[in-house]
Amino acid sequence: MKFTDSPVIELAVNDAVLSLQQDNGSMHVGTTVWPCSLVLVKFAERWGPPSDNNPYARVLDFQGKRAVELGTGCGVAGMGLYLLGLTDLLLTDIAPVMPALKRNLKVNKPILRKSLKHSVLYWNNPQQIAALNPPFDFVIATDVVYIPESVPSLVSAMETLVSDDGVVLLGYQLRAPEAHELFWELCQQVFHVEKVPHEHLHPDYAYEETDVYLLKKKNKKQ
């Protein structure tokens, strides 16, 4: 499911509205806005303000935290979470997607009030991963599991990049059964997996096909 075929999508985040340009005719899926990024941002917006009955207050405490996004694409999740307070943030993707990301960062610069940091990253390149200076408090990833061959590198990158007490914020939708099976098999070896109940998603962005997961590293001694 694509969110829409419209060339421009708007996403309200707090008092701001992001304008997201996509190119559905591109050869690269990263130039299309996929729904999991919207779902993750609106989930974080819903539970961002601390309160006595907020089960995600500690998980979504962005104050003073470092974050990196994998497979940024058009930049939806990164820009949205930046507006929600995750300001020490690095956006990454493969080189062919960078023009689409840069275009969206430029369009939204008046709202963001700066140009967010971005870098080319291939998950199977240890040198590029090391150059990002891990670990990070948050690793963000949305709609990144669809090619079986890339799954081992993705899980390895997430493990390397996230700190021992950090969190992977994952927006997920089943795209390819083989990739899906392998991804969760490998994740279970490395992470404690918490699936956010669907009723905890933003009511306007609780699509049936999409989910949010919180991944935390297992104790190496276990």
N, C-alpha and C. Protein backbone atom coordinates (compact mmCIF):
# COMPACT_ATOMS: atom_id res chain seq x y z
N MET A 1 0.83 -1.21 0.00
CA MET A 1 0.00 0.00 0.00
C MET A 1 0.86 1.25 0.00
N LYS A 2 0.72 2.07 -0.99
CA LYS A 2 1.29 3.40 -0.96
C LYS A 2 0.30 4.32 -0.27
N PHE A 3 0.83 5.39 0.31
CA PHE A 3 -0.07 6.32 0.99
C PHE A 3 -0.99 6.99 -0.03
N THR A 4 -0.41 7.44 -1.11
CA THR A 4 -1.18 8.07 -2.18
C THR A 4 -0.28 8.21 -3.40
N ASP A 5 -0.88 8.33 -4.57
CA ASP A 5 -0.11 8.58 -5.78
C ASP A 5 0.10 10.06 -6.04
N SER A 6 -0.43 10.89 -5.19
CA SER A 6 -0.26 12.33 -5.36
C SER A 6 1.21 12.71 -5.32
N PRO A 7 1.66 13.63 -6.17
CA PRO A 7 3.07 14.01 -6.16
C PRO A 7 3.49 14.76 -4.90
N VAL A 8 2.54 15.34 -4.18
CA VAL A 8 2.86 16.07 -2.96
C VAL A 8 1.94 15.60 -1.83
N ILE A 9 2.55 15.27 -0.69
CA ILE A 9 1.80 14.83 0.49
C ILE A 9 2.10 15.81 1.61
N GLU A 10 1.08 16.17 2.35
CA GLU A 10 1.27 17.05 3.50
C GLU A 10 1.06 16.26 4.78
N LEU A 11 1.92 16.51 5.76
CA LEU A 11 1.83 15.84 7.05
C LEU A 11 1.92 16.88 8.16
N ALA A 12 0.86 17.00 8.93
CA ALA A 12 0.86 17.93 10.06
C ALA A 12 1.59 17.30 11.23
N VAL A 13 2.55 18.05 11.79
CA VAL A 13 3.30 17.61 12.96
C VAL A 13 3.29 18.75 13.96
N ASN A 14 2.57 18.56 15.05
CA ASN A 14 2.33 19.65 16.00
C ASN A 14 1.73 20.84 15.26
N ASP A 15 2.40 21.98 15.30
CA ASP A 15 1.84 23.17 14.66
C ASP A 15 2.41 23.42 13.27
N ALA A 16 3.20 22.48 12.78
CA ALA A 16 3.83 22.64 11.47
C ALA A 16 3.21 21.67 10.46
N VAL A 17 3.41 21.96 9.18
CA VAL A 17 2.94 21.08 8.12
C VAL A 17 4.10 20.82 7.16
N LEU A 18 4.53 19.56 7.09
CA LEU A 18 5.58 19.17 6.16
C LEU A 18 4.97 18.95 4.77
N SER A 19 5.69 19.41 3.75
CA SER A 19 5.30 19.20 2.37
C SER A 19 6.27 18.20 1.75
N LEU A 20 5.77 17.04 1.36
CA LEU A 20 6.62 15.93 0.95
C LEU A 20 6.41 15.62 -0.53
N GLN A 21 7.46 15.82 -1.30
CA GLN A 21 7.41 15.56 -2.73
C GLN A 21 7.90 14.15 -3.01
N GLN A 22 7.13 13.40 -3.81
CA GLN A 22 7.54 12.05 -4.15
C GLN A 22 7.51 11.85 -5.66
N ASP A 23 8.24 10.84 -6.09
CA ASP A 23 8.32 10.52 -7.51
C ASP A 23 8.01 9.04 -7.69
N ASN A 24 6.72 8.73 -7.91
CA ASN A 24 6.31 7.34 -8.04
C ASN A 24 6.82 6.69 -9.32
N GLY A 25 7.29 7.49 -10.27
CA GLY A 25 7.79 6.93 -11.51
C GLY A 25 9.26 6.59 -11.47
N SER A 26 9.91 6.84 -10.35
CA SER A 26 11.34 6.58 -10.23
C SER A 26 11.62 5.09 -10.16
N MET A 27 12.84 4.70 -10.50
CA MET A 27 13.27 3.31 -10.38
C MET A 27 13.54 2.92 -8.94
N HIS A 28 13.65 3.90 -8.04
CA HIS A 28 14.04 3.63 -6.66
C HIS A 28 12.86 3.83 -5.73
N VAL A 29 12.58 2.81 -4.92
CA VAL A 29 11.43 2.89 -4.01
C VAL A 29 11.61 4.00 -2.98
N GLY A 30 12.87 4.43 -2.76
CA GLY A 30 13.13 5.47 -1.77
C GLY A 30 12.60 6.83 -2.17
N THR A 31 12.18 7.01 -3.40
CA THR A 31 11.66 8.32 -3.81
C THR A 31 10.14 8.39 -3.67
N THR A 32 9.54 7.34 -3.11
CA THR A 32 8.11 7.31 -2.85
C THR A 32 7.87 7.40 -1.34
N VAL A 33 6.82 8.11 -0.94
CA VAL A 33 6.45 8.17 0.47
C VAL A 33 5.63 6.93 0.81
N TRP A 34 6.12 6.14 1.74
CA TRP A 34 5.44 4.93 2.17
C TRP A 34 4.78 5.17 3.52
N PRO A 35 3.68 4.47 3.82
CA PRO A 35 2.86 4.84 4.97
C PRO A 35 3.51 4.65 6.33
N CYS A 36 4.46 3.71 6.45
CA CYS A 36 5.03 3.46 7.78
C CYS A 36 5.72 4.68 8.37
N SER A 37 6.30 5.51 7.51
CA SER A 37 6.96 6.71 8.02
C SER A 37 5.94 7.67 8.65
N LEU A 38 4.78 7.79 8.02
CA LEU A 38 3.72 8.64 8.55
C LEU A 38 3.21 8.08 9.87
N VAL A 39 3.01 6.77 9.91
CA VAL A 39 2.49 6.11 11.10
C VAL A 39 3.43 6.30 12.29
N LEU A 40 4.75 6.15 12.05
CA LEU A 40 5.72 6.29 13.13
C LEU A 40 5.73 7.72 13.69
N VAL A 41 5.72 8.70 12.80
CA VAL A 41 5.75 10.10 13.24
C VAL A 41 4.50 10.42 14.07
N LYS A 42 3.35 10.02 13.60
CA LYS A 42 2.12 10.35 14.31
C LYS A 42 2.00 9.57 15.63
N PHE A 43 2.57 8.37 15.69
CA PHE A 43 2.65 7.64 16.97
C PHE A 43 3.49 8.43 17.97
N ALA A 44 4.66 8.89 17.52
CA ALA A 44 5.53 9.66 18.40
C ALA A 44 4.88 10.98 18.82
N GLU A 45 4.15 11.59 17.91
CA GLU A 45 3.46 12.83 18.25
C GLU A 45 2.39 12.58 19.32
N ARG A 46 1.64 11.50 19.17
CA ARG A 46 0.57 11.20 20.12
C ARG A 46 1.10 11.01 21.53
N TRP A 47 2.25 10.32 21.67
CA TRP A 47 2.76 9.97 22.98
C TRP A 47 3.95 10.82 23.41
N GLY A 48 4.27 11.86 22.64
CA GLY A 48 5.41 12.69 22.98
C GLY A 48 5.28 13.45 24.28
N PRO A 49 4.17 14.14 24.52
CA PRO A 49 4.03 14.91 25.76
C PRO A 49 4.02 13.99 26.98
N PRO A 50 4.88 14.22 27.97
CA PRO A 50 4.90 13.36 29.16
C PRO A 50 3.63 13.53 29.98
N SER A 51 3.15 12.43 30.52
CA SER A 51 1.99 12.45 31.41
C SER A 51 2.03 11.21 32.28
N ASP A 52 1.23 11.19 33.32
CA ASP A 52 1.25 10.09 34.27
C ASP A 52 0.85 8.76 33.63
N ASN A 53 0.00 8.82 32.62
CA ASN A 53 -0.49 7.59 32.01
C ASN A 53 0.10 7.37 30.62
N ASN A 54 1.31 7.85 30.40
CA ASN A 54 1.98 7.71 29.11
C ASN A 54 2.96 6.54 29.18
N PRO A 55 2.64 5.40 28.57
CA PRO A 55 3.54 4.24 28.66
C PRO A 55 4.82 4.38 27.84
N TYR A 56 4.87 5.42 26.99
CA TYR A 56 6.04 5.59 26.12
C TYR A 56 6.85 6.84 26.46
N ALA A 57 6.60 7.42 27.63
CA ALA A 57 7.27 8.67 27.99
C ALA A 57 8.79 8.52 28.00
N ARG A 58 9.29 7.44 28.55
CA ARG A 58 10.74 7.23 28.62
C ARG A 58 11.30 6.84 27.26
N VAL A 59 10.59 6.00 26.54
CA VAL A 59 11.07 5.53 25.23
C VAL A 59 11.19 6.70 24.25
N LEU A 60 10.23 7.63 24.31
CA LEU A 60 10.19 8.74 23.37
C LEU A 60 10.75 10.03 23.95
N ASP A 61 11.64 9.89 24.92
CA ASP A 61 12.31 11.06 25.48
C ASP A 61 13.49 11.41 24.57
N PHE A 62 13.30 12.42 23.74
CA PHE A 62 14.30 12.79 22.74
C PHE A 62 15.32 13.81 23.24
N GLN A 63 15.13 14.32 24.42
CA GLN A 63 15.98 15.40 24.93
C GLN A 63 17.44 14.96 25.02
N GLY A 64 18.31 15.65 24.28
CA GLY A 64 19.73 15.39 24.35
C GLY A 64 20.18 14.08 23.74
N LYS A 65 19.35 13.46 22.91
CA LYS A 65 19.68 12.16 22.34
C LYS A 65 20.17 12.27 20.90
N ARG A 66 21.03 11.31 20.51
CA ARG A 66 21.53 11.22 19.14
C ARG A 66 20.74 10.17 18.37
N ALA A 67 20.50 10.44 17.09
CA ALA A 67 19.71 9.51 16.29
C ALA A 67 20.25 9.43 14.87
N VAL A 68 20.02 8.27 14.25
CA VAL A 68 20.35 8.07 12.85
C VAL A 68 19.17 7.35 12.21
N GLU A 69 18.83 7.75 10.99
CA GLU A 69 17.77 7.07 10.26
C GLU A 69 18.36 6.27 9.12
N LEU A 70 17.92 5.03 8.97
CA LEU A 70 18.34 4.16 7.88
C LEU A 70 17.26 4.13 6.81
N GLY A 71 17.66 4.24 5.56
CA GLY A 71 16.68 4.23 4.48
C GLY A 71 15.72 5.40 4.56
N THR A 72 16.27 6.58 4.69
CA THR A 72 15.47 7.78 4.91
C THR A 72 14.46 8.04 3.79
N GLY A 73 14.86 7.77 2.55
CA GLY A 73 13.96 8.03 1.42
C GLY A 73 13.67 9.51 1.27
N CYS A 74 12.39 9.87 1.22
CA CYS A 74 11.99 11.27 1.06
C CYS A 74 12.17 12.10 2.33
N GLY A 75 12.51 11.44 3.44
CA GLY A 75 12.83 12.18 4.66
C GLY A 75 11.67 12.38 5.62
N VAL A 76 10.57 11.68 5.41
CA VAL A 76 9.35 11.91 6.21
C VAL A 76 9.60 11.67 7.69
N ALA A 77 10.05 10.46 8.04
CA ALA A 77 10.21 10.11 9.45
C ALA A 77 11.25 11.01 10.12
N GLY A 78 12.36 11.22 9.44
CA GLY A 78 13.41 12.05 10.03
C GLY A 78 12.96 13.47 10.29
N MET A 79 12.33 14.10 9.30
CA MET A 79 11.87 15.47 9.48
C MET A 79 10.77 15.55 10.53
N GLY A 80 9.87 14.58 10.52
CA GLY A 80 8.79 14.59 11.50
C GLY A 80 9.29 14.45 12.92
N LEU A 81 10.21 13.51 13.15
CA LEU A 81 10.75 13.32 14.49
C LEU A 81 11.63 14.49 14.91
N TYR A 82 12.29 15.12 13.94
CA TYR A 82 13.04 16.33 14.25
C TYR A 82 12.11 17.41 14.83
N LEU A 83 10.96 17.58 14.22
CA LEU A 83 10.00 18.57 14.71
C LEU A 83 9.44 18.19 16.08
N LEU A 84 9.54 16.92 16.43
CA LEU A 84 9.07 16.46 17.73
C LEU A 84 10.17 16.47 18.79
N GLY A 85 11.35 17.00 18.43
CA GLY A 85 12.40 17.19 19.43
C GLY A 85 13.64 16.35 19.26
N LEU A 86 13.66 15.46 18.26
CA LEU A 86 14.84 14.63 18.03
C LEU A 86 15.78 15.38 17.08
N THR A 87 16.46 16.38 17.61
CA THR A 87 17.15 17.35 16.77
C THR A 87 18.58 16.97 16.41
N ASP A 88 19.22 16.09 17.20
CA ASP A 88 20.57 15.63 16.86
C ASP A 88 20.41 14.38 16.00
N LEU A 89 20.20 14.61 14.71
CA LEU A 89 19.71 13.56 13.83
C LEU A 89 20.49 13.54 12.52
N LEU A 90 20.83 12.33 12.08
CA LEU A 90 21.52 12.14 10.81
C LEU A 90 20.66 11.25 9.92
N LEU A 91 20.38 11.72 8.71
CA LEU A 91 19.56 10.97 7.76
C LEU A 91 20.47 10.26 6.76
N THR A 92 20.21 8.97 6.49
CA THR A 92 21.07 8.23 5.58
C THR A 92 20.25 7.44 4.56
N ASP A 93 20.85 7.25 3.40
CA ASP A 93 20.26 6.40 2.36
C ASP A 93 21.32 6.17 1.30
N ILE A 94 20.97 5.38 0.28
CA ILE A 94 21.91 5.12 -0.80
C ILE A 94 21.99 6.34 -1.72
N ALA A 95 23.07 6.40 -2.49
CA ALA A 95 23.34 7.58 -3.31
C ALA A 95 22.21 7.94 -4.28
N PRO A 96 21.57 6.98 -4.98
CA PRO A 96 20.54 7.37 -5.95
C PRO A 96 19.33 8.06 -5.34
N VAL A 97 19.11 7.88 -4.04
CA VAL A 97 17.94 8.48 -3.38
C VAL A 97 18.23 9.89 -2.88
N MET A 98 19.50 10.25 -2.79
CA MET A 98 19.89 11.53 -2.19
C MET A 98 19.25 12.76 -2.86
N PRO A 99 19.12 12.80 -4.19
CA PRO A 99 18.47 13.98 -4.79
C PRO A 99 17.05 14.20 -4.29
N ALA A 100 16.28 13.13 -4.12
CA ALA A 100 14.91 13.26 -3.61
C ALA A 100 14.91 13.74 -2.17
N LEU A 101 15.82 13.21 -1.37
CA LEU A 101 15.92 13.64 0.02
C LEU A 101 16.31 15.11 0.11
N LYS A 102 17.33 15.50 -0.65
CA LYS A 102 17.79 16.90 -0.60
C LYS A 102 16.70 17.86 -1.07
N ARG A 103 15.93 17.44 -2.06
CA ARG A 103 14.84 18.29 -2.55
C ARG A 103 13.82 18.52 -1.44
N ASN A 104 13.47 17.48 -0.70
CA ASN A 104 12.49 17.63 0.37
C ASN A 104 13.04 18.42 1.55
N LEU A 105 14.32 18.25 1.83
CA LEU A 105 14.93 19.05 2.90
C LEU A 105 14.92 20.53 2.53
N LYS A 106 15.17 20.83 1.27
CA LYS A 106 15.18 22.22 0.82
C LYS A 106 13.78 22.83 0.90
N VAL A 107 12.78 22.07 0.43
CA VAL A 107 11.40 22.56 0.45
C VAL A 107 10.94 22.86 1.87
N ASN A 108 11.35 22.03 2.79
CA ASN A 108 10.88 22.16 4.17
C ASN A 108 11.82 22.93 5.09
N LYS A 109 12.88 23.49 4.52
CA LYS A 109 13.84 24.23 5.35
C LYS A 109 13.20 25.38 6.12
N PRO A 110 12.23 26.13 5.55
CA PRO A 110 11.60 27.19 6.34
C PRO A 110 10.90 26.67 7.60
N ILE A 111 10.39 25.45 7.54
CA ILE A 111 9.74 24.86 8.70
C ILE A 111 10.76 24.28 9.67
N LEU A 112 11.76 23.60 9.13
CA LEU A 112 12.79 22.98 9.96
C LEU A 112 13.76 24.01 10.52
N ARG A 113 13.88 25.13 9.80
CA ARG A 113 14.78 26.24 10.18
C ARG A 113 16.25 25.88 10.09
N LYS A 114 16.54 24.78 9.44
CA LYS A 114 17.92 24.41 9.16
C LYS A 114 17.90 23.28 8.13
N SER A 115 19.05 22.96 7.58
CA SER A 115 19.17 21.83 6.68
C SER A 115 19.69 20.65 7.48
N LEU A 116 18.89 19.61 7.59
CA LEU A 116 19.28 18.48 8.42
C LEU A 116 20.48 17.74 7.84
N LYS A 117 21.27 17.16 8.72
CA LYS A 117 22.46 16.42 8.30
C LYS A 117 22.05 15.14 7.57
N HIS A 118 22.78 14.83 6.51
CA HIS A 118 22.49 13.62 5.75
C HIS A 118 23.78 13.02 5.22
N SER A 119 23.75 11.73 4.97
CA SER A 119 24.96 11.04 4.53
C SER A 119 24.58 9.81 3.72
N VAL A 120 25.40 9.49 2.73
CA VAL A 120 25.21 8.26 1.97
C VAL A 120 25.63 7.08 2.84
N LEU A 121 24.78 6.06 2.90
CA LEU A 121 25.11 4.88 3.69
C LEU A 121 24.57 3.63 3.00
N TYR A 122 25.48 2.68 2.80
CA TYR A 122 25.11 1.34 2.37
C TYR A 122 25.29 0.42 3.56
N TRP A 123 24.26 -0.34 3.90
CA TRP A 123 24.26 -1.11 5.13
C TRP A 123 25.36 -2.16 5.17
N ASN A 124 25.86 -2.58 4.00
CA ASN A 124 26.90 -3.60 3.96
C ASN A 124 28.29 -3.00 3.89
N ASN A 125 28.42 -1.71 4.21
CA ASN A 125 29.71 -1.03 4.15
C ASN A 125 30.17 -0.68 5.56
N PRO A 126 31.02 -1.50 6.18
CA PRO A 126 31.45 -1.25 7.56
C PRO A 126 32.16 0.09 7.74
N GLN A 127 32.90 0.51 6.72
CA GLN A 127 33.62 1.77 6.82
C GLN A 127 32.65 2.95 6.92
N GLN A 128 31.60 2.92 6.11
CA GLN A 128 30.61 3.99 6.16
C GLN A 128 29.88 3.99 7.51
N ILE A 129 29.57 2.81 8.01
CA ILE A 129 28.89 2.71 9.31
C ILE A 129 29.79 3.26 10.42
N ALA A 130 31.04 2.89 10.41
CA ALA A 130 31.97 3.38 11.44
C ALA A 130 32.15 4.89 11.37
N ALA A 131 32.10 5.43 10.14
CA ALA A 131 32.30 6.87 9.95
C ALA A 131 31.16 7.69 10.55
N LEU A 132 30.02 7.06 10.82
CA LEU A 132 28.89 7.77 11.43
C LEU A 132 29.09 8.00 12.92
N ASN A 133 30.15 7.37 13.48
CA ASN A 133 30.49 7.54 14.89
C ASN A 133 29.41 7.01 15.83
N PRO A 134 29.06 5.72 15.68
CA PRO A 134 28.11 5.12 16.60
C PRO A 134 28.74 4.94 17.99
N PRO A 135 27.92 4.68 19.01
CA PRO A 135 26.51 4.31 18.94
C PRO A 135 25.58 5.52 19.03
N PHE A 136 24.31 5.27 18.65
CA PHE A 136 23.26 6.27 18.71
C PHE A 136 22.19 5.84 19.72
N ASP A 137 21.54 6.83 20.32
CA ASP A 137 20.45 6.52 21.25
C ASP A 137 19.23 5.97 20.52
N PHE A 138 19.04 6.46 19.30
CA PHE A 138 17.91 6.01 18.49
C PHE A 138 18.38 5.64 17.10
N VAL A 139 17.89 4.51 16.60
CA VAL A 139 17.99 4.18 15.19
C VAL A 139 16.57 4.14 14.66
N ILE A 140 16.32 4.88 13.59
CA ILE A 140 14.98 4.98 13.00
C ILE A 140 14.98 4.24 11.67
N ALA A 141 13.94 3.45 11.44
CA ALA A 141 13.83 2.74 10.17
C ALA A 141 12.36 2.50 9.87
N THR A 142 11.92 2.86 8.67
CA THR A 142 10.53 2.64 8.29
C THR A 142 10.46 2.06 6.89
N ASP A 143 9.71 0.99 6.76
CA ASP A 143 9.51 0.35 5.45
C ASP A 143 10.83 0.02 4.77
N VAL A 144 11.69 -0.69 5.48
CA VAL A 144 13.01 -1.01 4.93
C VAL A 144 13.21 -2.50 4.67
N VAL A 145 12.20 -3.32 4.94
CA VAL A 145 12.36 -4.77 4.81
C VAL A 145 11.55 -5.25 3.61
N TYR A 146 12.22 -5.43 2.48
CA TYR A 146 11.51 -5.92 1.29
C TYR A 146 12.42 -6.70 0.35
N ILE A 147 13.73 -6.70 0.60
CA ILE A 147 14.67 -7.46 -0.23
C ILE A 147 15.42 -8.44 0.69
N PRO A 148 15.23 -9.74 0.51
CA PRO A 148 15.88 -10.71 1.41
C PRO A 148 17.39 -10.53 1.49
N GLU A 149 18.02 -10.21 0.36
CA GLU A 149 19.48 -10.12 0.34
C GLU A 149 20.01 -8.99 1.23
N SER A 150 19.20 -7.97 1.47
CA SER A 150 19.66 -6.84 2.26
C SER A 150 19.39 -7.00 3.75
N VAL A 151 18.60 -8.00 4.12
CA VAL A 151 18.17 -8.13 5.52
C VAL A 151 19.32 -8.36 6.49
N PRO A 152 20.26 -9.29 6.23
CA PRO A 152 21.35 -9.48 7.19
C PRO A 152 22.17 -8.21 7.41
N SER A 153 22.43 -7.46 6.35
CA SER A 153 23.18 -6.22 6.49
C SER A 153 22.39 -5.19 7.29
N LEU A 154 21.08 -5.14 7.08
CA LEU A 154 20.24 -4.19 7.81
C LEU A 154 20.25 -4.48 9.30
N VAL A 155 20.03 -5.73 9.67
CA VAL A 155 20.00 -6.09 11.09
C VAL A 155 21.37 -5.85 11.73
N SER A 156 22.42 -6.19 11.01
CA SER A 156 23.77 -5.95 11.52
C SER A 156 24.04 -4.47 11.72
N ALA A 157 23.59 -3.65 10.76
CA ALA A 157 23.77 -2.20 10.87
C ALA A 157 23.00 -1.64 12.07
N MET A 158 21.78 -2.10 12.27
CA MET A 158 20.99 -1.64 13.41
C MET A 158 21.69 -2.01 14.72
N GLU A 159 22.20 -3.23 14.79
CA GLU A 159 22.87 -3.68 16.01
C GLU A 159 24.12 -2.85 16.29
N THR A 160 24.87 -2.55 15.25
CA THR A 160 26.11 -1.79 15.42
C THR A 160 25.83 -0.33 15.79
N LEU A 161 24.80 0.24 15.19
CA LEU A 161 24.55 1.66 15.34
C LEU A 161 23.84 2.03 16.64
N VAL A 162 23.00 1.16 17.18
CA VAL A 162 22.23 1.52 18.37
C VAL A 162 23.04 1.20 19.62
N SER A 163 22.94 2.07 20.61
CA SER A 163 23.66 1.86 21.87
C SER A 163 23.05 0.71 22.65
N ASP A 164 23.76 0.22 23.66
CA ASP A 164 23.28 -0.92 24.44
C ASP A 164 21.96 -0.63 25.14
N ASP A 165 21.73 0.63 25.49
CA ASP A 165 20.47 1.00 26.13
C ASP A 165 19.60 1.86 25.22
N GLY A 166 19.89 1.82 23.92
CA GLY A 166 19.14 2.61 22.95
C GLY A 166 17.93 1.86 22.42
N VAL A 167 17.25 2.49 21.47
CA VAL A 167 16.01 1.95 20.92
C VAL A 167 16.01 2.08 19.40
N VAL A 168 15.59 1.02 18.73
CA VAL A 168 15.29 1.09 17.30
C VAL A 168 13.80 1.37 17.16
N LEU A 169 13.46 2.51 16.56
CA LEU A 169 12.06 2.84 16.26
C LEU A 169 11.77 2.35 14.85
N LEU A 170 10.96 1.31 14.76
CA LEU A 170 10.75 0.64 13.48
C LEU A 170 9.30 0.76 13.04
N GLY A 171 9.10 1.36 11.88
CA GLY A 171 7.80 1.34 11.22
C GLY A 171 7.80 0.20 10.22
N TYR A 172 6.84 -0.69 10.32
CA TYR A 172 6.95 -1.95 9.58
C TYR A 172 5.65 -2.33 8.86
N GLN A 173 5.84 -2.86 7.67
CA GLN A 173 4.74 -3.45 6.92
C GLN A 173 5.29 -4.63 6.14
N LEU A 174 4.57 -5.73 6.14
CA LEU A 174 5.02 -6.92 5.42
C LEU A 174 5.02 -6.62 3.91
N ARG A 175 6.18 -6.74 3.31
CA ARG A 175 6.33 -6.47 1.88
C ARG A 175 6.63 -7.74 1.09
N ALA A 176 7.53 -8.56 1.65
CA ALA A 176 7.95 -9.79 0.96
C ALA A 176 8.09 -10.88 2.01
N PRO A 177 7.36 -11.99 1.89
CA PRO A 177 7.36 -13.03 2.92
C PRO A 177 8.75 -13.55 3.27
N GLU A 178 9.60 -13.77 2.26
CA GLU A 178 10.93 -14.31 2.54
C GLU A 178 11.77 -13.31 3.35
N ALA A 179 11.73 -12.05 2.96
CA ALA A 179 12.46 -11.03 3.70
C ALA A 179 11.88 -10.87 5.11
N HIS A 180 10.57 -10.92 5.21
CA HIS A 180 9.88 -10.80 6.50
C HIS A 180 10.33 -11.89 7.46
N GLU A 181 10.33 -13.13 6.99
CA GLU A 181 10.71 -14.26 7.85
C GLU A 181 12.15 -14.16 8.31
N LEU A 182 13.04 -13.83 7.39
CA LEU A 182 14.46 -13.73 7.73
C LEU A 182 14.72 -12.57 8.68
N PHE A 183 14.07 -11.44 8.43
CA PHE A 183 14.28 -10.27 9.27
C PHE A 183 13.93 -10.56 10.73
N TRP A 184 12.76 -11.13 10.95
CA TRP A 184 12.35 -11.36 12.34
C TRP A 184 13.14 -12.50 12.98
N GLU A 185 13.59 -13.45 12.19
CA GLU A 185 14.47 -14.51 12.73
C GLU A 185 15.77 -13.91 13.25
N LEU A 186 16.37 -13.02 12.46
CA LEU A 186 17.63 -12.39 12.87
C LEU A 186 17.41 -11.39 14.01
N CYS A 187 16.31 -10.64 13.95
CA CYS A 187 16.04 -9.66 15.01
C CYS A 187 15.87 -10.33 16.36
N GLN A 188 15.21 -11.47 16.39
CA GLN A 188 14.98 -12.16 17.65
C GLN A 188 16.29 -12.61 18.30
N GLN A 189 17.33 -12.78 17.49
CA GLN A 189 18.64 -13.17 18.02
C GLN A 189 19.35 -12.01 18.69
N VAL A 190 19.02 -10.80 18.26
CA VAL A 190 19.77 -9.61 18.69
C VAL A 190 18.97 -8.71 19.62
N PHE A 191 17.66 -8.61 19.38
CA PHE A 191 16.84 -7.61 20.06
C PHE A 191 15.68 -8.22 20.85
N HIS A 192 15.31 -7.53 21.91
CA HIS A 192 14.00 -7.73 22.51
C HIS A 192 13.02 -6.93 21.65
N VAL A 193 11.94 -7.57 21.25
CA VAL A 193 11.00 -6.96 20.32
C VAL A 193 9.69 -6.65 21.03
N GLU A 194 9.30 -5.39 20.99
CA GLU A 194 8.01 -4.97 21.54
C GLU A 194 7.17 -4.38 20.43
N LYS A 195 6.02 -4.98 20.20
CA LYS A 195 5.09 -4.47 19.21
C LYS A 195 4.11 -3.52 19.87
N VAL A 196 4.00 -2.32 19.33
CA VAL A 196 3.07 -1.33 19.87
C VAL A 196 1.65 -1.77 19.54
N PRO A 197 0.77 -1.87 20.54
CA PRO A 197 -0.62 -2.24 20.24
C PRO A 197 -1.24 -1.26 19.24
N HIS A 198 -2.04 -1.79 18.33
CA HIS A 198 -2.60 -0.95 17.28
C HIS A 198 -3.41 0.20 17.83
N GLU A 199 -4.07 -0.03 18.97
CA GLU A 199 -4.88 1.03 19.55
C GLU A 199 -4.04 2.16 20.13
N HIS A 200 -2.71 1.95 20.24
CA HIS A 200 -1.82 3.00 20.71
C HIS A 200 -1.29 3.88 19.58
N LEU A 201 -1.53 3.47 18.34
CA LEU A 201 -1.13 4.32 17.21
C LEU A 201 -2.07 5.51 17.14
N HIS A 202 -1.66 6.52 16.40
CA HIS A 202 -2.54 7.68 16.21
C HIS A 202 -3.80 7.21 15.49
N PRO A 203 -4.96 7.55 15.99
CA PRO A 203 -6.20 7.02 15.40
C PRO A 203 -6.39 7.33 13.92
N ASP A 204 -5.83 8.45 13.46
CA ASP A 204 -5.95 8.80 12.05
C ASP A 204 -4.87 8.14 11.19
N TYR A 205 -3.89 7.50 11.84
CA TYR A 205 -2.78 6.88 11.12
C TYR A 205 -2.53 5.48 11.66
N ALA A 206 -3.60 4.74 11.86
CA ALA A 206 -3.51 3.36 12.33
C ALA A 206 -3.95 2.43 11.21
N TYR A 207 -3.18 2.43 10.14
CA TYR A 207 -3.53 1.62 8.98
C TYR A 207 -3.41 0.14 9.33
N GLU A 208 -4.31 -0.65 8.81
CA GLU A 208 -4.38 -2.07 9.17
C GLU A 208 -3.08 -2.79 8.85
N GLU A 209 -2.42 -2.41 7.77
CA GLU A 209 -1.24 -3.14 7.31
C GLU A 209 0.05 -2.73 8.02
N THR A 210 0.03 -1.65 8.78
CA THR A 210 1.27 -1.09 9.32
C THR A 210 1.36 -1.26 10.82
N ASP A 211 2.61 -1.37 11.30
CA ASP A 211 2.86 -1.53 12.73
C ASP A 211 4.09 -0.72 13.13
N VAL A 212 4.18 -0.47 14.43
CA VAL A 212 5.37 0.15 15.02
C VAL A 212 5.95 -0.83 16.03
N TYR A 213 7.26 -1.01 15.95
CA TYR A 213 7.97 -1.88 16.88
C TYR A 213 9.06 -1.08 17.60
N LEU A 214 9.33 -1.48 18.83
CA LEU A 214 10.44 -0.93 19.61
C LEU A 214 11.42 -2.07 19.84
N LEU A 215 12.63 -1.92 19.33
CA LEU A 215 13.65 -2.95 19.45
C LEU A 215 14.74 -2.48 20.40
N LYS A 216 15.07 -3.34 21.37
CA LYS A 216 16.13 -3.02 22.33
C LYS A 216 17.10 -4.19 22.39
N LYS A 217 18.38 -3.88 22.49
CA LYS A 217 19.41 -4.92 22.45
C LYS A 217 19.26 -5.89 23.62
N LYS A 218 19.47 -7.16 23.32
CA LYS A 218 19.53 -8.16 24.36
C LYS A 218 20.86 -8.05 25.09
N ASN A 219 20.83 -8.42 26.35
CA ASN A 219 22.06 -8.47 27.12
C ASN A 219 22.97 -9.54 26.54
N LYS A 220 24.20 -9.18 26.23
CA LYS A 220 25.11 -10.11 25.58
C LYS A 220 25.39 -11.34 26.45
N LYS A 221 25.20 -11.24 27.77
CA LYS A 221 25.46 -12.34 28.67
C LYS A 221 24.30 -13.33 28.73
N GLN A 222 23.17 -12.93 28.18
CA GLN A 222 22.00 -13.81 28.24
C GLN A 222 22.12 -14.96 27.25
